[in-house]
Amino acid sequence: MVRTPLTPWERRRGECFGVLLRQARGARSMADVAAAAGVSAETLRKIETGRAPTPTFFTVAALAAALDISLDRLAVAAAEAAAADEAPAEPLSA
């Protein structure tokens, strides 16, 4: 199956999503959050740096649960930041 290339907005949304996860992680180590979510630290690193702009739903859901963040809040914040073409303004809190 050939995957359709991402649009610039979709790429930007993924980058913003990564920034939001990094902010939500705070002082917790990448390894701790990844282990709590059941994903590899490398997967989390790729998401946080924007190298994996479209992680699977189950990965996103697991990370949201590990960080105690609503999926709705993550989706809205990432889309809004991408639409404004800027980094997320304020960290998400539980």
PDB file of N, CA and C in Angstrom:
ATOM      1  N   MET A   1       0.845  -1.168   0.000  1.00  0.00           N
ATOM      2  CA  MET A   1       0.000   0.000   0.000  1.00  0.00           C
ATOM      3  C   MET A   1       0.897   1.240   0.000  1.00  0.00           C
ATOM      4  N   VAL A   2       0.603   2.160  -0.873  1.00  0.00           N
ATOM      5  CA  VAL A   2       1.348   3.399  -0.957  1.00  0.00           C
ATOM      6  C   VAL A   2       0.679   4.420  -0.060  1.00  0.00           C
ATOM      7  N   ARG A   3       1.479   5.065   0.766  1.00  0.00           N
ATOM      8  CA  ARG A   3       0.940   6.059   1.684  1.00  0.00           C
ATOM      9  C   ARG A   3       0.972   7.442   1.033  1.00  0.00           C
ATOM     10  N   THR A   4      -0.124   8.159   1.141  1.00  0.00           N
ATOM     11  CA  THR A   4      -0.204   9.514   0.611  1.00  0.00           C
ATOM     12  C   THR A   4       0.725  10.422   1.412  1.00  0.00           C
ATOM     13  N   PRO A   5       1.514  11.244   0.747  1.00  0.00           N
ATOM     14  CA  PRO A   5       2.401  12.150   1.485  1.00  0.00           C
ATOM     15  C   PRO A   5       1.602  13.095   2.382  1.00  0.00           C
ATOM     16  N   LEU A   6       2.198  13.446   3.500  1.00  0.00           N
ATOM     17  CA  LEU A   6       1.547  14.365   4.423  1.00  0.00           C
ATOM     18  C   LEU A   6       1.572  15.782   3.870  1.00  0.00           C
ATOM     19  N   THR A   7       0.525  16.516   4.175  1.00  0.00           N
ATOM     20  CA  THR A   7       0.500  17.927   3.791  1.00  0.00           C
ATOM     21  C   THR A   7       1.381  18.701   4.774  1.00  0.00           C
ATOM     22  N   PRO A   8       1.776  19.917   4.412  1.00  0.00           N
ATOM     23  CA  PRO A   8       2.559  20.730   5.359  1.00  0.00           C
ATOM     24  C   PRO A   8       1.825  20.934   6.687  1.00  0.00           C
ATOM     25  N   TRP A   9       0.501  21.103   6.638  1.00  0.00           N
ATOM     26  CA  TRP A   9      -0.265  21.291   7.872  1.00  0.00           C
ATOM     27  C   TRP A   9      -0.229  20.027   8.730  1.00  0.00           C
ATOM     28  N   GLU A  10      -0.366  18.866   8.102  1.00  0.00           N
ATOM     29  CA  GLU A  10      -0.323  17.609   8.853  1.00  0.00           C
ATOM     30  C   GLU A  10       1.047  17.425   9.513  1.00  0.00           C
ATOM     31  N   ARG A  11       2.105  17.777   8.791  1.00  0.00           N
ATOM     32  CA  ARG A  11       3.441  17.700   9.367  1.00  0.00           C
ATOM     33  C   ARG A  11       3.588  18.654  10.552  1.00  0.00           C
ATOM     34  N   ARG A  12       3.095  19.867  10.382  1.00  0.00           N
ATOM     35  CA  ARG A  12       3.171  20.873  11.453  1.00  0.00           C
ATOM     36  C   ARG A  12       2.362  20.418  12.669  1.00  0.00           C
ATOM     37  N   ARG A  13       1.190  19.841  12.432  1.00  0.00           N
ATOM     38  CA  ARG A  13       0.364  19.335  13.533  1.00  0.00           C
ATOM     39  C   ARG A  13       1.119  18.256  14.310  1.00  0.00           C
ATOM     40  N   GLY A  14       1.816  17.374  13.603  1.00  0.00           N
ATOM     41  CA  GLY A  14       2.620  16.343  14.259  1.00  0.00           C
ATOM     42  C   GLY A  14       3.747  16.932  15.086  1.00  0.00           C
ATOM     43  N   GLU A  15       4.389  17.977  14.561  1.00  0.00           N
ATOM     44  CA  GLU A  15       5.453  18.645  15.320  1.00  0.00           C
ATOM     45  C   GLU A  15       4.888  19.275  16.595  1.00  0.00           C
ATOM     46  N   CYS A  16       3.743  19.919  16.475  1.00  0.00           N
ATOM     47  CA  CYS A  16       3.095  20.538  17.638  1.00  0.00           C
ATOM     48  C   CYS A  16       2.682  19.481  18.652  1.00  0.00           C
ATOM     49  N   PHE A  17       2.195  18.359  18.166  1.00  0.00           N
ATOM     50  CA  PHE A  17       1.826  17.260  19.048  1.00  0.00           C
ATOM     51  C   PHE A  17       3.037  16.801  19.851  1.00  0.00           C
ATOM     52  N   GLY A  18       4.171  16.684  19.188  1.00  0.00           N
ATOM     53  CA  GLY A  18       5.404  16.286  19.876  1.00  0.00           C
ATOM     54  C   GLY A  18       5.806  17.284  20.947  1.00  0.00           C
ATOM     55  N   VAL A  19       5.677  18.560  20.645  1.00  0.00           N
ATOM     56  CA  VAL A  19       6.002  19.604  21.627  1.00  0.00           C
ATOM     57  C   VAL A  19       5.069  19.491  22.834  1.00  0.00           C
ATOM     58  N   LEU A  20       3.797  19.252  22.573  1.00  0.00           N
ATOM     59  CA  LEU A  20       2.831  19.109  23.666  1.00  0.00           C
ATOM     60  C   LEU A  20       3.181  17.927  24.564  1.00  0.00           C
ATOM     61  N   LEU A  21       3.562  16.814  23.952  1.00  0.00           N
ATOM     62  CA  LEU A  21       3.945  15.650  24.754  1.00  0.00           C
ATOM     63  C   LEU A  21       5.177  15.967  25.597  1.00  0.00           C
ATOM     64  N   ARG A  22       6.142  16.637  25.006  1.00  0.00           N
ATOM     65  CA  ARG A  22       7.364  16.980  25.734  1.00  0.00           C
ATOM     66  C   ARG A  22       7.035  17.888  26.915  1.00  0.00           C
ATOM     67  N   GLN A  23       6.168  18.863  26.701  1.00  0.00           N
ATOM     68  CA  GLN A  23       5.763  19.761  27.785  1.00  0.00           C
ATOM     69  C   GLN A  23       5.036  18.989  28.879  1.00  0.00           C
ATOM     70  N   ALA A  24       4.159  18.086  28.492  1.00  0.00           N
ATOM     71  CA  ALA A  24       3.388  17.310  29.466  1.00  0.00           C
ATOM     72  C   ALA A  24       4.284  16.351  30.253  1.00  0.00           C
ATOM     73  N   ARG A  25       5.334  15.888  29.617  1.00  0.00           N
ATOM     74  CA  ARG A  25       6.259  14.963  30.291  1.00  0.00           C
ATOM     75  C   ARG A  25       6.997  15.672  31.416  1.00  0.00           C
ATOM     76  N   GLY A  26       7.234  16.964  31.265  1.00  0.00           N
ATOM     77  CA  GLY A  26       7.889  17.743  32.312  1.00  0.00           C
ATOM     78  C   GLY A  26       9.233  17.177  32.708  1.00  0.00           C
ATOM     79  N   ALA A  27       9.410  16.947  33.994  1.00  0.00           N
ATOM     80  CA  ALA A  27      10.678  16.453  34.522  1.00  0.00           C
ATOM     81  C   ALA A  27      10.805  14.930  34.433  1.00  0.00           C
ATOM     82  N   ARG A  28       9.716  14.262  34.072  1.00  0.00           N
ATOM     83  CA  ARG A  28       9.782  12.796  33.960  1.00  0.00           C
ATOM     84  C   ARG A  28      10.707  12.416  32.808  1.00  0.00           C
ATOM     85  N   SER A  29      11.437  11.344  32.987  1.00  0.00           N
ATOM     86  CA  SER A  29      12.342  10.921  31.923  1.00  0.00           C
ATOM     87  C   SER A  29      11.558  10.308  30.770  1.00  0.00           C
ATOM     88  N   MET A  30      12.155  10.381  29.602  1.00  0.00           N
ATOM     89  CA  MET A  30      11.551   9.788  28.421  1.00  0.00           C
ATOM     90  C   MET A  30      11.354   8.284  28.625  1.00  0.00           C
ATOM     91  N   ALA A  31      12.334   7.646  29.233  1.00  0.00           N
ATOM     92  CA  ALA A  31      12.254   6.199  29.468  1.00  0.00           C
ATOM     93  C   ALA A  31      11.100   5.849  30.401  1.00  0.00           C
ATOM     94  N   ASP A  32      10.890   6.655  31.450  1.00  0.00           N
ATOM     95  CA  ASP A  32       9.794   6.397  32.390  1.00  0.00           C
ATOM     96  C   ASP A  32       8.429   6.513  31.716  1.00  0.00           C
ATOM     97  N   VAL A  33       8.245   7.568  30.945  1.00  0.00           N
ATOM     98  CA  VAL A  33       6.962   7.780  30.275  1.00  0.00           C
ATOM     99  C   VAL A  33       6.731   6.708  29.216  1.00  0.00           C
ATOM    100  N   ALA A  34       7.765   6.398  28.461  1.00  0.00           N
ATOM    101  CA  ALA A  34       7.641   5.365  27.429  1.00  0.00           C
ATOM    102  C   ALA A  34       7.273   4.025  28.055  1.00  0.00           C
ATOM    103  N   ALA A  35       7.931   3.670  29.147  1.00  0.00           N
ATOM    104  CA  ALA A  35       7.633   2.397  29.820  1.00  0.00           C
ATOM    105  C   ALA A  35       6.198   2.387  30.343  1.00  0.00           C
ATOM    106  N   ALA A  36       5.758   3.504  30.926  1.00  0.00           N
ATOM    107  CA  ALA A  36       4.393   3.581  31.447  1.00  0.00           C
ATOM    108  C   ALA A  36       3.364   3.439  30.324  1.00  0.00           C
ATOM    109  N   ALA A  37       3.714   3.916  29.132  1.00  0.00           N
ATOM    110  CA  ALA A  37       2.799   3.843  27.997  1.00  0.00           C
ATOM    111  C   ALA A  37       2.933   2.532  27.222  1.00  0.00           C
ATOM    112  N   GLY A  38       3.983   1.788  27.499  1.00  0.00           N
ATOM    113  CA  GLY A  38       4.190   0.535  26.781  1.00  0.00           C
ATOM    114  C   GLY A  38       4.744   0.726  25.377  1.00  0.00           C
ATOM    115  N   VAL A  39       5.473   1.809  25.167  1.00  0.00           N
ATOM    116  CA  VAL A  39       6.131   2.054  23.881  1.00  0.00           C
ATOM    117  C   VAL A  39       7.628   2.199  24.128  1.00  0.00           C
ATOM    118  N   SER A  40       8.406   2.139  23.082  1.00  0.00           N
ATOM    119  CA  SER A  40       9.849   2.283  23.253  1.00  0.00           C
ATOM    120  C   SER A  40      10.208   3.754  23.428  1.00  0.00           C
ATOM    121  N   ALA A  41      11.322   3.986  24.099  1.00  0.00           N
ATOM    122  CA  ALA A  41      11.806   5.354  24.263  1.00  0.00           C
ATOM    123  C   ALA A  41      12.111   5.965  22.897  1.00  0.00           C
ATOM    124  N   GLU A  42      12.574   5.154  21.950  1.00  0.00           N
ATOM    125  CA  GLU A  42      12.862   5.662  20.602  1.00  0.00           C
ATOM    126  C   GLU A  42      11.581   6.118  19.905  1.00  0.00           C
ATOM    127  N   THR A  43      10.492   5.400  20.105  1.00  0.00           N
ATOM    128  CA  THR A  43       9.211   5.819  19.530  1.00  0.00           C
ATOM    129  C   THR A  43       8.799   7.164  20.108  1.00  0.00           C
ATOM    130  N   LEU A  44       8.897   7.312  21.414  1.00  0.00           N
ATOM    131  CA  LEU A  44       8.549   8.587  22.046  1.00  0.00           C
ATOM    132  C   LEU A  44       9.475   9.691  21.557  1.00  0.00           C
ATOM    133  N   ARG A  45      10.746   9.408  21.424  1.00  0.00           N
ATOM    134  CA  ARG A  45      11.703  10.405  20.934  1.00  0.00           C
ATOM    135  C   ARG A  45      11.318  10.868  19.526  1.00  0.00           C
ATOM    136  N   LYS A  46      10.976   9.925  18.661  1.00  0.00           N
ATOM    137  CA  LYS A  46      10.590  10.286  17.292  1.00  0.00           C
ATOM    138  C   LYS A  46       9.332  11.142  17.268  1.00  0.00           C
ATOM    139  N   ILE A  47       8.375  10.832  18.136  1.00  0.00           N
ATOM    140  CA  ILE A  47       7.141  11.620  18.190  1.00  0.00           C
ATOM    141  C   ILE A  47       7.446  13.024  18.713  1.00  0.00           C
ATOM    142  N   GLU A  48       8.207  13.105  19.789  1.00  0.00           N
ATOM    143  CA  GLU A  48       8.509  14.404  20.390  1.00  0.00           C
ATOM    144  C   GLU A  48       9.308  15.313  19.459  1.00  0.00           C
ATOM    145  N   THR A  49      10.140  14.735  18.616  1.00  0.00           N
ATOM    146  CA  THR A  49      10.964  15.547  17.716  1.00  0.00           C
ATOM    147  C   THR A  49      10.305  15.789  16.363  1.00  0.00           C
ATOM    148  N   GLY A  50       9.116  15.235  16.155  1.00  0.00           N
ATOM    149  CA  GLY A  50       8.405  15.448  14.904  1.00  0.00           C
ATOM    150  C   GLY A  50       8.819  14.506  13.787  1.00  0.00           C
ATOM    151  N   ARG A  51       9.705  13.564  14.072  1.00  0.00           N
ATOM    152  CA  ARG A  51      10.130  12.609  13.040  1.00  0.00           C
ATOM    153  C   ARG A  51       9.066  11.545  12.787  1.00  0.00           C
ATOM    154  N   ALA A  52       8.112  11.411  13.688  1.00  0.00           N
ATOM    155  CA  ALA A  52       6.975  10.500  13.508  1.00  0.00           C
ATOM    156  C   ALA A  52       5.707  11.334  13.717  1.00  0.00           C
ATOM    157  N   PRO A  53       5.325  12.122  12.699  1.00  0.00           N
ATOM    158  CA  PRO A  53       4.225  13.068  12.870  1.00  0.00           C
ATOM    159  C   PRO A  53       2.834  12.460  12.939  1.00  0.00           C
ATOM    160  N   THR A  54       2.709  11.174  12.601  1.00  0.00           N
ATOM    161  CA  THR A  54       1.380  10.544  12.636  1.00  0.00           C
ATOM    162  C   THR A  54       1.448   9.202  13.370  1.00  0.00           C
ATOM    163  N   PRO A  55       1.669   9.234  14.682  1.00  0.00           N
ATOM    164  CA  PRO A  55       1.711   7.973  15.435  1.00  0.00           C
ATOM    165  C   PRO A  55       0.332   7.306  15.417  1.00  0.00           C
ATOM    166  N   THR A  56       0.328   6.009  15.651  1.00  0.00           N
ATOM    167  CA  THR A  56      -0.940   5.278  15.644  1.00  0.00           C
ATOM    168  C   THR A  56      -1.829   5.726  16.802  1.00  0.00           C
ATOM    169  N   PHE A  57      -3.116   5.486  16.623  1.00  0.00           N
ATOM    170  CA  PHE A  57      -4.079   5.850  17.664  1.00  0.00           C
ATOM    171  C   PHE A  57      -3.725   5.209  19.004  1.00  0.00           C
ATOM    172  N   PHE A  58      -3.384   3.931  18.975  1.00  0.00           N
ATOM    173  CA  PHE A  58      -3.112   3.230  20.229  1.00  0.00           C
ATOM    174  C   PHE A  58      -1.871   3.768  20.923  1.00  0.00           C
ATOM    175  N   THR A  59      -0.885   4.219  20.168  1.00  0.00           N
ATOM    176  CA  THR A  59       0.299   4.846  20.756  1.00  0.00           C
ATOM    177  C   THR A  59      -0.083   6.172  21.397  1.00  0.00           C
ATOM    178  N   VAL A  60      -0.858   6.968  20.686  1.00  0.00           N
ATOM    179  CA  VAL A  60      -1.301   8.261  21.224  1.00  0.00           C
ATOM    180  C   VAL A  60      -2.145   8.050  22.481  1.00  0.00           C
ATOM    181  N   ALA A  61      -3.061   7.096  22.435  1.00  0.00           N
ATOM    182  CA  ALA A  61      -3.920   6.827  23.592  1.00  0.00           C
ATOM    183  C   ALA A  61      -3.101   6.366  24.787  1.00  0.00           C
ATOM    184  N   ALA A  62      -2.106   5.520  24.558  1.00  0.00           N
ATOM    185  CA  ALA A  62      -1.267   5.035  25.654  1.00  0.00           C
ATOM    186  C   ALA A  62      -0.438   6.165  26.252  1.00  0.00           C
ATOM    187  N   LEU A  63       0.099   7.032  25.408  1.00  0.00           N
ATOM    188  CA  LEU A  63       0.886   8.166  25.916  1.00  0.00           C
ATOM    189  C   LEU A  63      -0.009   9.145  26.681  1.00  0.00           C
ATOM    190  N   ALA A  64      -1.198   9.402  26.160  1.00  0.00           N
ATOM    191  CA  ALA A  64      -2.131  10.299  26.859  1.00  0.00           C
ATOM    192  C   ALA A  64      -2.477   9.739  28.235  1.00  0.00           C
ATOM    193  N   ALA A  65      -2.716   8.443  28.306  1.00  0.00           N
ATOM    194  CA  ALA A  65      -3.032   7.829  29.603  1.00  0.00           C
ATOM    195  C   ALA A  65      -1.838   7.905  30.548  1.00  0.00           C
ATOM    196  N   ALA A  66      -0.643   7.643  30.043  1.00  0.00           N
ATOM    197  CA  ALA A  66       0.553   7.690  30.890  1.00  0.00           C
ATOM    198  C   ALA A  66       0.818   9.100  31.401  1.00  0.00           C
ATOM    199  N   LEU A  67       0.431  10.096  30.617  1.00  0.00           N
ATOM    200  CA  LEU A  67       0.646  11.494  31.007  1.00  0.00           C
ATOM    201  C   LEU A  67      -0.589  12.122  31.641  1.00  0.00           C
ATOM    202  N   ASP A  68      -1.672  11.340  31.758  1.00  0.00           N
ATOM    203  CA  ASP A  68      -2.933  11.800  32.343  1.00  0.00           C
ATOM    204  C   ASP A  68      -3.470  13.038  31.628  1.00  0.00           C
ATOM    205  N   ILE A  69      -3.538  12.931  30.295  1.00  0.00           N
ATOM    206  CA  ILE A  69      -4.039  14.021  29.462  1.00  0.00           C
ATOM    207  C   ILE A  69      -5.184  13.481  28.613  1.00  0.00           C
ATOM    208  N   SER A  70      -6.197  14.274  28.437  1.00  0.00           N
ATOM    209  CA  SER A  70      -7.341  13.920  27.606  1.00  0.00           C
ATOM    210  C   SER A  70      -6.940  13.882  26.127  1.00  0.00           C
ATOM    211  N   LEU A  71      -7.402  12.872  25.413  1.00  0.00           N
ATOM    212  CA  LEU A  71      -7.158  12.802  23.971  1.00  0.00           C
ATOM    213  C   LEU A  71      -7.759  14.012  23.260  1.00  0.00           C
ATOM    214  N   ASP A  72      -8.918  14.451  23.709  1.00  0.00           N
ATOM    215  CA  ASP A  72      -9.550  15.626  23.107  1.00  0.00           C
ATOM    216  C   ASP A  72      -8.667  16.858  23.240  1.00  0.00           C
ATOM    217  N   ARG A  73      -8.122  17.071  24.428  1.00  0.00           N
ATOM    218  CA  ARG A  73      -7.274  18.247  24.651  1.00  0.00           C
ATOM    219  C   ARG A  73      -6.018  18.189  23.801  1.00  0.00           C
ATOM    220  N   LEU A  74      -5.425  17.005  23.673  1.00  0.00           N
ATOM    221  CA  LEU A  74      -4.232  16.853  22.831  1.00  0.00           C
ATOM    222  C   LEU A  74      -4.552  17.179  21.379  1.00  0.00           C
ATOM    223  N   ALA A  75      -5.642  16.628  20.868  1.00  0.00           N
ATOM    224  CA  ALA A  75      -6.007  16.831  19.466  1.00  0.00           C
ATOM    225  C   ALA A  75      -6.296  18.296  19.174  1.00  0.00           C
ATOM    226  N   VAL A  76      -7.065  18.935  20.028  1.00  0.00           N
ATOM    227  CA  VAL A  76      -7.424  20.332  19.819  1.00  0.00           C
ATOM    228  C   VAL A  76      -6.187  21.229  19.923  1.00  0.00           C
ATOM    229  N   ALA A  77      -5.370  21.019  20.943  1.00  0.00           N
ATOM    230  CA  ALA A  77      -4.184  21.857  21.130  1.00  0.00           C
ATOM    231  C   ALA A  77      -3.206  21.717  19.965  1.00  0.00           C
ATOM    232  N   ALA A  78      -2.990  20.504  19.480  1.00  0.00           N
ATOM    233  CA  ALA A  78      -2.070  20.299  18.355  1.00  0.00           C
ATOM    234  C   ALA A  78      -2.605  20.946  17.087  1.00  0.00           C
ATOM    235  N   ALA A  79      -3.894  20.785  16.825  1.00  0.00           N
ATOM    236  CA  ALA A  79      -4.498  21.371  15.624  1.00  0.00           C
ATOM    237  C   ALA A  79      -4.487  22.897  15.691  1.00  0.00           C
ATOM    238  N   GLU A  80      -4.803  23.456  16.851  1.00  0.00           N
ATOM    239  CA  GLU A  80      -4.807  24.912  16.993  1.00  0.00           C
ATOM    240  C   GLU A  80      -3.413  25.497  16.812  1.00  0.00           C
ATOM    241  N   ALA A  81      -2.411  24.861  17.398  1.00  0.00           N
ATOM    242  CA  ALA A  81      -1.038  25.346  17.271  1.00  0.00           C
ATOM    243  C   ALA A  81      -0.574  25.257  15.819  1.00  0.00           C
ATOM    244  N   ALA A  82      -0.925  24.170  15.142  1.00  0.00           N
ATOM    245  CA  ALA A  82      -0.537  24.013  13.741  1.00  0.00           C
ATOM    246  C   ALA A  82      -1.222  25.055  12.869  1.00  0.00           C
ATOM    247  N   ALA A  83      -2.490  25.325  13.154  1.00  0.00           N
ATOM    248  CA  ALA A  83      -3.234  26.312  12.372  1.00  0.00           C
ATOM    249  C   ALA A  83      -2.648  27.717  12.570  1.00  0.00           C
ATOM    250  N   ALA A  84      -2.182  27.976  13.772  1.00  0.00           N
ATOM    251  CA  ALA A  84      -1.584  29.281  14.062  1.00  0.00           C
ATOM    252  C   ALA A  84      -0.127  29.318  13.632  1.00  0.00           C
ATOM    253  N   ASP A  85       0.404  28.161  13.201  1.00  0.00           N
ATOM    254  CA  ASP A  85       1.798  28.019  12.772  1.00  0.00           C
ATOM    255  C   ASP A  85       2.769  28.504  13.848  1.00  0.00           C
ATOM    256  N   GLU A  86       2.526  28.029  15.057  1.00  0.00           N
ATOM    257  CA  GLU A  86       3.400  28.374  16.170  1.00  0.00           C
ATOM    258  C   GLU A  86       3.460  27.217  17.143  1.00  0.00           C
ATOM    259  N   ALA A  87       4.425  27.285  18.056  1.00  0.00           N
ATOM    260  CA  ALA A  87       4.537  26.261  19.081  1.00  0.00           C
ATOM    261  C   ALA A  87       3.379  26.408  20.044  1.00  0.00           C
ATOM    262  N   PRO A  88       2.941  25.326  20.674  1.00  0.00           N
ATOM    263  CA  PRO A  88       1.865  25.420  21.664  1.00  0.00           C
ATOM    264  C   PRO A  88       2.231  26.437  22.748  1.00  0.00           C
ATOM    265  N   ALA A  89       1.294  27.312  23.051  1.00  0.00           N
ATOM    266  CA  ALA A  89       1.570  28.433  23.939  1.00  0.00           C
ATOM    267  C   ALA A  89       1.733  28.023  25.389  1.00  0.00           C
ATOM    268  N   GLU A  90       0.895  27.155  25.872  1.00  0.00           N
ATOM    269  CA  GLU A  90       0.980  26.797  27.281  1.00  0.00           C
ATOM    270  C   GLU A  90       0.919  25.287  27.439  1.00  0.00           C
ATOM    271  N   PRO A  91       1.631  24.783  28.430  1.00  0.00           N
ATOM    272  CA  PRO A  91       1.623  23.331  28.655  1.00  0.00           C
ATOM    273  C   PRO A  91       0.228  22.833  29.020  1.00  0.00           C
ATOM    274  N   LEU A  92      -0.043  21.606  28.655  1.00  0.00           N
ATOM    275  CA  LEU A  92      -1.297  20.980  29.043  1.00  0.00           C
ATOM    276  C   LEU A  92      -1.150  20.469  30.463  1.00  0.00           C
ATOM    277  N   SER A  93      -2.172  20.604  31.227  1.00  0.00           N
ATOM    278  CA  SER A  93      -2.156  20.009  32.569  1.00  0.00           C
ATOM    279  C   SER A  93      -3.301  19.013  32.660  1.00  0.00           C
ATOM    280  N   ALA A  94      -3.180  18.135  33.607  1.00  0.00           N
ATOM    281  CA  ALA A  94      -4.153  17.046  33.748  1.00  0.00           C
ATOM    282  C   ALA A  94      -5.548  17.533  34.002  1.00  0.00           C
TER     283      ALA A  94
END
